[in-house]
Protein backbone atom coordinates (compact mmCIF):
# COMPACT_ATOMS: atom_id res chain seq x y z
CA MET A 1 14.13 24.72 6.87
CA LYS A 2 16.73 26.56 4.91
CA VAL A 3 18.90 27.17 7.95
CA ALA A 4 18.77 23.48 8.90
CA GLY A 5 19.62 22.47 5.32
CA VAL A 6 16.31 20.68 4.83
CA ALA A 7 14.92 20.86 1.31
CA PRO A 8 11.26 21.82 1.47
CA ASN A 9 8.82 19.41 -0.15
CA GLU A 10 5.04 18.99 -0.38
CA VAL A 11 4.91 17.13 2.96
CA ILE A 12 6.64 19.94 4.82
CA TYR A 13 4.53 22.58 3.10
CA SER A 14 1.32 20.64 3.82
CA THR A 15 2.29 20.47 7.49
CA LEU A 16 3.06 24.19 7.60
CA LEU A 17 -0.16 25.05 5.77
CA ASP A 18 -2.12 22.94 8.24
CA CYS A 19 -0.43 24.60 11.20
CA PHE A 20 -0.94 28.16 9.98
CA GLY A 21 -4.40 27.33 8.67
CA LYS A 22 -5.52 26.04 12.05
CA SER A 23 -4.29 29.26 13.62
CA GLY A 24 -6.30 31.23 11.03
CA ASP A 25 -3.26 32.96 9.54
CA LEU A 26 -4.51 33.72 6.03
CA ASN A 27 -1.49 35.81 5.06
CA THR A 28 1.00 33.07 5.91
CA VAL A 29 -1.13 30.44 4.14
CA LYS A 30 -1.13 32.59 1.00
CA ALA A 31 2.62 33.23 1.31
CA LEU A 32 3.36 29.50 1.68
CA ARG A 33 1.24 28.67 -1.37
CA GLU A 34 3.10 31.29 -3.38
CA GLU A 35 6.43 29.95 -2.14
CA MET A 36 5.41 26.46 -3.27
CA ARG A 37 4.56 27.82 -6.73
CA GLN A 38 7.86 29.69 -6.99
CA GLN A 39 9.84 26.61 -5.98
CA LYS A 40 7.76 24.47 -8.36
CA ILE A 41 6.67 22.14 -5.58
CA LYS A 42 3.54 20.34 -6.71
CA PRO A 43 0.88 20.10 -4.03
CA ASN A 44 -0.39 16.64 -3.19
CA VAL A 45 -3.80 15.39 -2.07
CA VAL A 46 -2.99 16.24 1.57
CA THR A 47 -2.03 19.80 0.61
CA PHE A 48 -5.36 20.26 -1.15
CA THR A 49 -7.33 18.73 1.73
CA VAL A 50 -5.64 21.09 4.20
CA LEU A 51 -6.30 24.11 1.98
CA MET A 52 -9.92 23.16 1.27
CA ASP A 53 -10.53 22.68 4.98
CA PHE A 54 -8.95 26.05 5.76
CA TYR A 55 -10.87 28.01 3.14
CA GLY A 56 -14.06 26.05 3.81
CA LYS A 57 -13.96 26.99 7.49
CA LYS A 58 -13.44 30.60 6.47
CA GLY A 59 -16.55 30.31 4.27
CA ASP A 60 -14.60 31.03 1.08
CA LEU A 61 -16.49 28.62 -1.19
CA ASP A 62 -15.09 30.22 -4.33
CA GLU A 63 -11.54 29.39 -3.25
CA VAL A 64 -12.60 25.84 -2.35
CA LYS A 65 -14.07 25.42 -5.84
CA LEU A 66 -10.88 26.81 -7.41
CA LEU A 67 -8.77 24.37 -5.39
CA ARG A 68 -10.94 21.47 -6.57
CA LYS A 69 -10.50 22.60 -10.18
CA GLU A 70 -6.74 22.88 -9.66
CA MET A 71 -6.69 19.32 -8.30
CA THR A 72 -8.43 18.13 -11.45
CA ARG A 73 -6.05 20.11 -13.67
CA LEU A 74 -3.06 18.56 -11.88
CA GLU A 75 -4.67 15.11 -12.17
CA ILE A 76 -4.66 14.59 -8.42
CA ILE A 77 -7.28 12.01 -7.53
CA PRO A 78 -9.45 12.99 -4.57
CA ASN A 79 -9.64 10.55 -1.67
CA ILE A 80 -12.25 10.09 1.07
CA PHE A 81 -10.68 12.94 3.08
CA VAL A 82 -11.04 15.38 0.18
CA PHE A 83 -14.66 14.40 -0.33
CA GLY A 84 -15.34 14.52 3.40
CA THR A 85 -13.90 18.02 3.58
CA LEU A 86 -15.85 19.18 0.52
CA ILE A 87 -19.10 17.66 1.76
CA GLU A 88 -18.64 19.24 5.18
CA THR A 89 -17.86 22.63 3.61
CA PHE A 90 -20.90 22.70 1.34
CA ALA A 91 -23.18 21.16 3.98
CA LYS A 92 -22.31 23.99 6.38
CA ALA A 93 -23.12 26.42 3.57
CA CYS A 94 -26.50 24.64 3.15
CA ASP A 95 -25.73 23.91 -0.52
CA ILE A 96 -27.73 20.68 -0.69
CA SER A 97 -27.41 20.28 -4.46
CA LYS A 98 -23.60 20.51 -4.22
CA VAL A 99 -23.56 17.99 -1.36
CA LYS A 100 -25.65 15.58 -3.47
CA GLN A 101 -23.32 16.14 -6.45
CA LEU A 102 -20.23 15.46 -4.33
CA ARG A 103 -21.82 12.34 -2.86
CA GLU A 104 -22.48 11.01 -6.37
CA GLU A 105 -18.98 11.98 -7.52
CA MET A 106 -17.52 10.15 -4.54
CA LYS A 107 -19.48 7.00 -5.47
CA ALA A 108 -18.41 7.35 -9.12
CA ASN A 109 -14.80 7.38 -7.91
CA GLY A 110 -15.41 4.09 -6.11
CA LEU A 111 -15.19 5.65 -2.65
CA LEU A 112 -17.53 4.64 0.13
CA PRO A 113 -18.48 7.06 2.88
CA ASN A 114 -16.97 6.43 6.29
CA GLU A 115 -18.69 7.19 9.59
CA ILE A 116 -17.49 10.79 9.54
CA VAL A 117 -18.88 11.41 6.06
CA PHE A 118 -22.15 9.71 7.00
CA SER A 119 -22.36 11.90 10.10
CA THR A 120 -21.98 15.03 7.97
CA LEU A 121 -24.51 13.76 5.41
CA VAL A 122 -27.08 12.86 8.07
CA GLU A 123 -26.69 16.25 9.73
CA CYS A 124 -26.99 18.04 6.39
CA PHE A 125 -30.03 16.17 5.09
CA ALA A 126 -31.74 16.16 8.47
CA LYS A 127 -31.59 19.96 8.42
CA SER A 128 -33.06 19.97 4.92
CA GLY A 129 -35.94 17.71 6.01
CA ASP A 130 -35.32 15.14 3.25
CA VAL A 131 -36.89 11.95 4.67
CA GLU A 132 -36.05 9.79 1.65
CA VAL A 133 -32.37 10.68 1.66
CA ILE A 134 -32.18 10.06 5.42
CA LYS A 135 -33.74 6.60 4.96
CA GLN A 136 -31.33 5.87 2.10
CA LEU A 137 -28.35 6.91 4.23
CA ARG A 138 -29.48 4.57 7.01
CA ARG A 139 -29.81 1.69 4.49
CA GLU A 140 -26.33 2.43 3.13
CA MET A 141 -24.85 2.50 6.62
CA ASP A 142 -26.49 -0.84 7.41
CA GLN A 143 -25.29 -2.36 4.11
CA LEU A 144 -21.73 -1.22 4.82
CA GLY A 145 -21.86 -2.41 8.41
CA ILE A 146 -21.31 1.08 9.79
CA LYS A 147 -22.82 1.42 13.24
CA PRO A 148 -24.13 4.96 13.75
CA SER A 149 -22.31 6.99 16.37
CA GLY A 150 -24.15 8.68 19.21
CA PHE A 151 -23.97 11.92 17.26
CA ILE A 152 -25.64 10.35 14.21
CA ILE A 153 -28.35 8.77 16.40
CA LYS A 154 -28.98 12.14 18.09
CA ASN A 155 -29.34 13.85 14.71
CA LEU A 156 -31.68 11.11 13.49
CA ILE A 157 -33.84 11.32 16.62
CA ASP A 158 -34.04 15.11 16.31
CA PHE A 159 -34.88 14.74 12.61
CA TYR A 160 -37.67 12.21 13.12
CA GLU A 161 -39.16 14.31 15.92
CA LYS A 162 -39.03 17.34 13.63
CA VAL A 163 -40.90 15.54 10.82
CA GLY A 164 -43.43 14.09 13.28
CA ASP A 165 -42.30 10.45 13.21
CA THR A 166 -42.14 9.90 16.97
CA VAL A 167 -42.32 6.11 16.52
CA GLU A 168 -38.99 6.13 14.65
CA ALA A 169 -37.50 8.64 17.09
CA VAL A 170 -38.38 6.37 20.03
CA ARG A 171 -37.13 3.28 18.19
CA LEU A 172 -33.79 4.99 17.58
CA SER A 173 -33.52 6.11 21.18
CA ASN A 174 -33.78 2.45 22.21
CA GLU A 175 -30.98 1.29 19.84
């Protein structure tokens, strides 16, 4: 960037963080974050989403929580992608109470789950065996006009078989 005379900004840093994050290069991610701080470049919502995704995939929940607090401190409003990333991170960690909290926080912020978020929620709550939450998620999807993907249907069928509701599992398989 410097050689080409391009002034770095949060978009360029977010792109670089995403690139090095996807390659798993923790040292470069840390160095880029420090460089942003030194140059007083304020991260944006995309920067935080990229970082939360990176640290979430590494299983560093403490860092994810710190990033979320930093977002709040900087008054950066989370969008559906932030919530989707957070929900996915804590679902994979089997932190059901945190997933429920994030789901409620998302609603309080006026954000509706998209198909990807619903997919993560269904997978998470199916693993936990929570029949009522699964039924509520299906109602919400229907109310929002979101047609479940094949992946969601598969998770629902597996769930209903697991809890012994073969009638619902068969009904879903015929959808």
